[in-house]
Amino acid sequence: MSEEPLSRPSIHDVKPIAVPKVGHWIGGVALAILAVVFLQVLVTNKNMQWSVVAEYMFNPAILSGLGMTLLLTTLAMVLGLAIGVVLAIMRLSASSVFQSVSWGWIWFFRGVPPLVQMIFWYNLALLLPEISIGIPFGGPKLISWNTNELITPFSAAIMGLAFTESAYAAEMIRAGIQAINTGQTEAAATLGLTRGQALRRIVLPQALRIVIPPIGNDTISMLKFTSLVSVLALPDLLYSAQMVYARTYQTVPLLLVATIWYLVLTTILTAVEHAVEHRLKSDHRAGEKKSGGMFRLFARQREAQG
């Protein structure tokens, strides 16, 4: 009686065995314990004075500072992005003068901290007591302003924040423009569009889809950078909280109030950023599908004609 040869198991019949990751379990338990201890300190520590925090969450002074923070963030981002677009186009220009000026602006405002800029702009009157527009090199002045009256804490804060943002935005937008296929610009030229029209109608809309995520991160960072304006005695969220606890001596509860509002605003901006990214991705896929369908239809028509 002959014995049948044993068949060797196939590699597809071998099932992987999960190896228990002891290190992951130990690390997870340790982090869970630390999180529970942290929450216990927050809840049970009487020095937190949560009742005081709840009392001042919607205090008129705090809400006024919150509005100033939102205004500073919005204006700084709008002006910074507008200047950044111009700087990015100048960096990509064929003119060496435009390239040099743009590079110098970006180099300077990326290198100088926004807090230093704010203090400098606020004290600009020490350098230029009067700001005027007219014919240079000793020519007549058409209009002039007193620098102390022109540069207020608000305008100094906006310049410091917006100029810093413009330098970073310029590099992001430049990278987004360069990521667009140059063949689209060439195709636009064959259709009779000028370089400016192609940039405005074709390149920039596509580049914005690429730079939206970093711009969203910059907006969140700008929201936190606005706390620096407290050195100019500008009543933003942090300075308003400081003014309240300077009067009531309840430092920790008021700082917690400011912290909670910053976290709320950051969470809202993050949700908006993710929603915009999702929408842009959906629109991009729909556009690709539509363009693909049009290309197939065109190909069929060419085959029918042939």
Protein backbone atom coordinates (compact mmCIF):
# COMPACT_ATOMS: atom_id res chain seq x y z
CA MET A 1 0.00 0.00 0.00
CA SER A 2 1.64 3.19 -1.15
CA GLU A 3 1.57 6.31 0.96
CA GLU A 4 0.46 9.52 -0.72
CA PRO A 5 3.10 12.28 -0.58
CA LEU A 6 2.34 15.11 1.80
CA SER A 7 1.48 18.33 -0.01
CA ARG A 8 3.42 21.39 1.00
CA PRO A 9 1.33 24.31 2.23
CA SER A 10 1.07 27.22 -0.16
CA ILE A 11 2.26 30.65 0.90
CA HIS A 12 -1.33 31.82 0.49
CA ASP A 13 -2.45 29.30 3.12
CA VAL A 14 -0.16 30.79 5.76
CA LYS A 15 -2.01 33.25 7.99
CA PRO A 16 -0.03 35.88 9.84
CA ILE A 17 -0.15 35.72 13.61
CA ALA A 18 -0.54 39.04 15.35
CA VAL A 19 2.33 39.65 17.73
CA PRO A 20 1.17 41.36 20.92
CA LYS A 21 2.68 44.85 21.11
CA VAL A 22 3.42 45.09 24.80
CA GLY A 23 5.16 48.45 24.44
CA HIS A 24 2.07 50.00 22.88
CA TRP A 25 -0.13 48.77 25.72
CA ILE A 26 2.24 50.04 28.38
CA GLY A 27 2.58 53.43 26.67
CA GLY A 28 -1.17 53.71 26.20
CA VAL A 29 -1.91 52.91 29.84
CA ALA A 30 0.75 55.39 31.01
CA LEU A 31 -0.70 58.15 28.81
CA ALA A 32 -4.23 57.36 29.99
CA ILE A 33 -3.13 57.63 33.63
CA LEU A 34 -1.40 60.97 32.95
CA ALA A 35 -4.52 62.28 31.19
CA VAL A 36 -6.74 61.29 34.13
CA VAL A 37 -4.35 62.92 36.62
CA PHE A 38 -4.28 66.11 34.50
CA LEU A 39 -8.08 66.24 34.33
CA GLN A 40 -8.31 65.61 38.07
CA VAL A 41 -6.00 68.56 38.75
CA LEU A 42 -8.07 70.79 36.48
CA VAL A 43 -11.36 69.81 38.07
CA THR A 44 -10.47 69.47 41.74
CA ASN A 45 -7.88 72.24 42.16
CA LYS A 46 -9.69 75.05 43.97
CA ASN A 47 -7.16 77.61 42.73
CA MET A 48 -8.63 77.23 39.22
CA GLN A 49 -11.78 78.98 40.47
CA TRP A 50 -14.04 77.64 37.75
CA SER A 51 -16.95 79.65 39.10
CA VAL A 52 -15.00 82.84 38.40
CA VAL A 53 -14.12 81.52 34.92
CA ALA A 54 -17.81 80.98 34.17
CA GLU A 55 -18.61 84.44 35.50
CA TYR A 56 -16.19 86.22 33.14
CA MET A 57 -16.60 84.05 30.01
CA PHE A 58 -19.16 86.45 28.54
CA ASN A 59 -18.06 89.59 30.33
CA PRO A 60 -18.47 92.68 28.07
CA ALA A 61 -14.78 93.55 28.36
CA ILE A 62 -13.76 90.01 27.36
CA LEU A 63 -16.21 89.95 24.43
CA SER A 64 -14.94 93.34 23.27
CA GLY A 65 -11.37 92.01 23.32
CA LEU A 66 -12.55 88.92 21.46
CA GLY A 67 -13.99 91.13 18.72
CA MET A 68 -10.71 93.05 18.47
CA THR A 69 -8.79 89.77 18.13
CA LEU A 70 -11.06 88.63 15.29
CA LEU A 71 -10.76 92.03 13.57
CA LEU A 72 -6.97 92.00 13.79
CA THR A 73 -6.81 88.44 12.46
CA THR A 74 -9.11 89.20 9.52
CA LEU A 75 -7.44 92.45 8.45
CA ALA A 76 -3.91 91.08 8.86
CA MET A 77 -4.70 87.99 6.77
CA VAL A 78 -6.52 89.91 4.02
CA LEU A 79 -3.77 92.53 3.68
CA GLY A 80 -1.01 89.95 4.06
CA LEU A 81 -2.46 87.70 1.34
CA ALA A 82 -3.05 90.65 -1.00
CA ILE A 83 0.56 91.80 -0.63
CA GLY A 84 1.74 88.19 -0.83
CA VAL A 85 0.10 87.67 -4.23
CA VAL A 86 1.85 90.76 -5.59
CA LEU A 87 5.18 89.66 -4.12
CA ALA A 88 4.82 86.15 -5.56
CA ILE A 89 4.12 87.52 -9.05
CA MET A 90 7.12 89.85 -8.70
CA ARG A 91 9.35 86.91 -7.70
CA LEU A 92 8.28 85.08 -10.87
CA SER A 93 8.69 88.16 -13.07
CA ALA A 94 11.33 88.35 -15.78
CA SER A 95 12.44 91.72 -14.39
CA SER A 96 15.47 91.47 -12.12
CA VAL A 97 14.36 94.67 -10.35
CA PHE A 98 10.99 93.17 -9.40
CA GLN A 99 12.69 89.96 -8.30
CA SER A 100 15.20 91.81 -6.14
CA VAL A 101 12.58 94.01 -4.45
CA SER A 102 10.35 91.03 -3.75
CA TRP A 103 13.23 88.94 -2.42
CA GLY A 104 14.37 91.82 -0.17
CA TRP A 105 10.87 92.30 1.28
CA ILE A 106 10.49 88.58 1.98
CA TRP A 107 13.98 88.32 3.47
CA PHE A 108 13.42 91.26 5.82
CA PHE A 109 9.91 90.55 7.08
CA ARG A 110 10.53 86.83 7.53
CA GLY A 111 13.63 87.59 9.54
CA VAL A 112 12.28 90.27 11.91
CA PRO A 113 9.83 89.03 14.59
CA PRO A 114 6.36 90.62 14.43
CA LEU A 115 6.68 91.90 18.00
CA VAL A 116 9.82 93.84 17.09
CA GLN A 117 8.05 95.23 14.03
CA MET A 118 5.06 96.40 16.06
CA ILE A 119 7.27 98.27 18.52
CA PHE A 120 9.27 99.78 15.66
CA TRP A 121 6.20 100.97 13.73
CA TYR A 122 4.68 102.39 16.89
CA ASN A 123 7.84 104.44 17.48
CA LEU A 124 8.29 105.45 13.84
CA ALA A 125 7.83 109.11 14.79
CA LEU A 126 11.28 109.05 16.41
CA LEU A 127 12.71 108.37 12.96
CA LEU A 128 10.22 110.21 10.74
CA PRO A 129 8.26 112.94 12.57
CA GLU A 130 6.29 113.59 9.39
CA ILE A 131 5.18 111.35 6.53
CA SER A 132 4.55 113.12 3.25
CA ILE A 133 3.82 112.46 -0.42
CA GLY A 134 5.35 114.72 -3.04
CA ILE A 135 8.19 115.16 -5.49
CA PRO A 136 11.35 113.54 -4.05
CA PHE A 137 14.80 115.11 -3.65
CA GLY A 138 13.65 118.40 -2.17
CA GLY A 139 10.55 118.89 -4.29
CA PRO A 140 7.25 120.29 -3.01
CA LYS A 141 5.04 118.23 -0.71
CA LEU A 142 1.57 117.40 -1.97
CA ILE A 143 0.20 116.02 1.30
CA SER A 144 1.68 115.24 4.69
CA TRP A 145 0.65 113.66 8.00
CA ASN A 146 1.93 113.82 11.54
CA THR A 147 3.43 110.41 12.24
CA ASN A 148 2.24 110.31 15.85
CA GLU A 149 -1.34 110.84 14.67
CA LEU A 150 -1.05 108.44 11.74
CA ILE A 151 0.60 105.48 13.49
CA THR A 152 -1.77 104.40 16.23
CA PRO A 153 -1.43 101.16 18.24
CA PHE A 154 -4.01 99.61 15.92
CA SER A 155 -2.22 100.58 12.69
CA ALA A 156 1.15 99.53 14.13
CA ALA A 157 -0.30 96.14 15.05
CA ILE A 158 -1.84 95.66 11.60
CA MET A 159 1.43 96.54 9.84
CA GLY A 160 3.49 94.23 12.01
CA LEU A 161 1.12 91.29 11.53
CA ALA A 162 0.24 91.88 7.85
CA PHE A 163 3.81 92.46 6.67
CA THR A 164 4.97 89.29 8.40
CA GLU A 165 2.13 87.31 6.86
CA SER A 166 2.83 88.78 3.40
CA ALA A 167 6.37 87.38 3.42
CA TYR A 168 5.23 83.84 4.24
CA ALA A 169 2.18 84.03 1.97
CA ALA A 170 4.36 85.14 -0.96
CA GLU A 171 6.48 82.00 -0.75
CA MET A 172 3.42 79.75 -0.42
CA ILE A 173 1.66 81.36 -3.39
CA ARG A 174 4.85 81.28 -5.47
CA ALA A 175 5.20 77.55 -4.80
CA GLY A 176 1.54 77.05 -5.72
CA ILE A 177 1.95 78.92 -9.01
CA GLN A 178 5.07 76.96 -9.90
CA ALA A 179 3.23 73.69 -9.19
CA ILE A 180 0.80 74.39 -12.06
CA ASN A 181 1.76 72.73 -15.34
CA THR A 182 3.33 75.29 -17.66
CA GLY A 183 1.51 73.66 -20.56
CA GLN A 184 -1.70 75.34 -19.41
CA THR A 185 -0.09 78.76 -19.74
CA GLU A 186 1.18 77.86 -23.19
CA ALA A 187 -2.28 76.65 -24.19
CA ALA A 188 -3.79 79.91 -22.93
CA ALA A 189 -1.29 81.85 -25.04
CA THR A 190 -2.35 79.94 -28.14
CA LEU A 191 -5.94 80.98 -27.42
CA GLY A 192 -4.90 84.63 -27.46
CA LEU A 193 -4.86 85.25 -23.71
CA THR A 194 -2.20 87.57 -22.35
CA ARG A 195 0.10 86.44 -19.57
CA GLY A 196 -1.85 88.50 -17.04
CA GLN A 197 -5.18 87.04 -18.19
CA ALA A 198 -3.81 83.51 -18.03
CA LEU A 199 -2.44 84.14 -14.58
CA ARG A 200 -5.70 85.62 -13.30
CA ARG A 201 -8.12 83.19 -14.94
CA ILE A 202 -6.22 79.91 -15.09
CA VAL A 203 -3.12 79.77 -12.89
CA LEU A 204 -4.13 81.61 -9.72
CA PRO A 205 -7.46 79.75 -9.20
CA GLN A 206 -5.62 76.41 -9.40
CA ALA A 207 -2.76 77.64 -7.23
CA LEU A 208 -5.21 78.74 -4.53
CA ARG A 209 -6.47 75.16 -4.23
CA ILE A 210 -2.91 74.09 -3.47
CA VAL A 211 -2.14 76.84 -0.95
CA ILE A 212 -5.45 76.72 0.96
CA PRO A 213 -4.17 74.22 3.61
CA PRO A 214 -1.04 76.26 4.52
CA ILE A 215 -3.08 79.49 4.44
CA GLY A 216 -5.50 77.87 6.89
CA ASN A 217 -2.61 77.04 9.20
CA ASP A 218 -1.34 80.60 8.86
CA THR A 219 -4.76 81.95 9.83
CA ILE A 220 -4.73 79.90 13.02
CA SER A 221 -1.19 81.08 13.76
CA MET A 222 -2.23 84.68 13.09
CA LEU A 223 -5.06 84.32 15.60
CA LYS A 224 -2.48 83.48 18.26
CA PHE A 225 0.00 86.11 17.07
CA THR A 226 -2.58 88.80 17.81
CA SER A 227 -1.87 88.30 21.52
CA LEU A 228 1.41 90.14 20.90
CA VAL A 229 -0.47 93.43 20.49
CA SER A 230 -0.95 93.55 24.25
CA VAL A 231 2.48 95.23 24.45
CA LEU A 232 0.93 98.18 22.59
CA ALA A 233 -1.94 98.39 25.10
CA LEU A 234 -4.36 97.43 22.34
CA PRO A 235 -7.44 95.89 23.96
CA ASP A 236 -7.41 92.46 22.34
CA LEU A 237 -8.56 89.30 24.13
CA LEU A 238 -5.39 88.85 26.19
CA TYR A 239 -5.02 92.52 27.11
CA SER A 240 -8.68 92.70 28.14
CA ALA A 241 -8.16 89.72 30.43
CA GLN A 242 -5.05 91.35 31.84
CA MET A 243 -6.95 94.54 32.58
CA VAL A 244 -9.63 92.61 34.44
CA TYR A 245 -7.26 90.58 36.63
CA ALA A 246 -5.15 93.67 37.30
CA ARG A 247 -8.26 95.04 38.97
CA THR A 248 -9.63 91.86 40.60
CA TYR A 249 -6.32 90.02 41.27
CA GLN A 250 -7.84 86.83 39.85
CA THR A 251 -5.00 86.09 37.47
CA VAL A 252 -5.43 82.37 36.84
CA PRO A 253 -9.20 82.39 36.19
CA LEU A 254 -8.91 85.25 33.68
CA LEU A 255 -6.03 83.56 31.89
CA LEU A 256 -8.19 80.44 31.70
CA VAL A 257 -10.97 82.54 30.17
CA ALA A 258 -8.60 83.79 27.46
CA THR A 259 -7.26 80.26 26.91
CA ILE A 260 -10.72 78.79 26.46
CA TRP A 261 -11.72 81.47 23.94
CA TYR A 262 -8.49 80.93 21.95
CA LEU A 263 -9.20 77.18 21.89
CA VAL A 264 -12.78 77.77 20.75
CA LEU A 265 -11.71 80.07 17.93
CA THR A 266 -8.91 77.70 16.86
CA THR A 267 -11.34 74.78 16.78
CA ILE A 268 -13.80 76.73 14.62
CA LEU A 269 -11.06 77.82 12.19
CA THR A 270 -9.76 74.24 11.97
CA ALA A 271 -13.26 72.94 11.15
CA VAL A 272 -13.70 75.64 8.49
CA GLU A 273 -10.29 74.79 7.00
CA HIS A 274 -11.15 71.08 6.76
CA ALA A 275 -14.54 71.88 5.20
CA VAL A 276 -12.93 74.12 2.57
CA GLU A 277 -10.28 71.50 1.79
CA HIS A 278 -12.97 68.82 1.38
CA ARG A 279 -15.01 71.08 -0.89
CA LEU A 280 -12.02 71.93 -3.06
CA LYS A 281 -11.09 68.26 -3.40
CA SER A 282 -14.65 67.39 -4.42
CA ASP A 283 -14.74 70.22 -6.98
CA HIS A 284 -11.34 69.16 -8.34
CA ARG A 285 -12.47 65.55 -8.80
CA ALA A 286 -15.68 66.69 -10.46
CA GLY A 287 -13.67 68.97 -12.78
CA GLU A 288 -11.31 66.13 -13.71
CA LYS A 289 -14.26 63.82 -14.39
CA LYS A 290 -15.97 66.47 -16.53
CA SER A 291 -12.82 67.25 -18.49
CA GLY A 292 -12.19 63.53 -18.98
CA GLY A 293 -15.72 63.04 -20.33
CA MET A 294 -15.32 65.97 -22.71
CA PHE A 295 -12.00 64.55 -23.93
CA ARG A 296 -13.59 61.14 -24.62
CA LEU A 297 -16.48 62.79 -26.47
CA PHE A 298 -14.03 64.78 -28.57
CA ALA A 299 -12.06 61.61 -29.34
CA ARG A 300 -15.20 59.79 -30.47
CA GLN A 301 -16.15 62.68 -32.74
CA ARG A 302 -12.67 62.61 -34.29
CA GLU A 303 -12.96 58.83 -34.83
CA ALA A 304 -16.39 59.24 -36.43
CA GLN A 305 -15.04 61.92 -38.76
CA GLY A 306 -12.06 59.75 -39.62
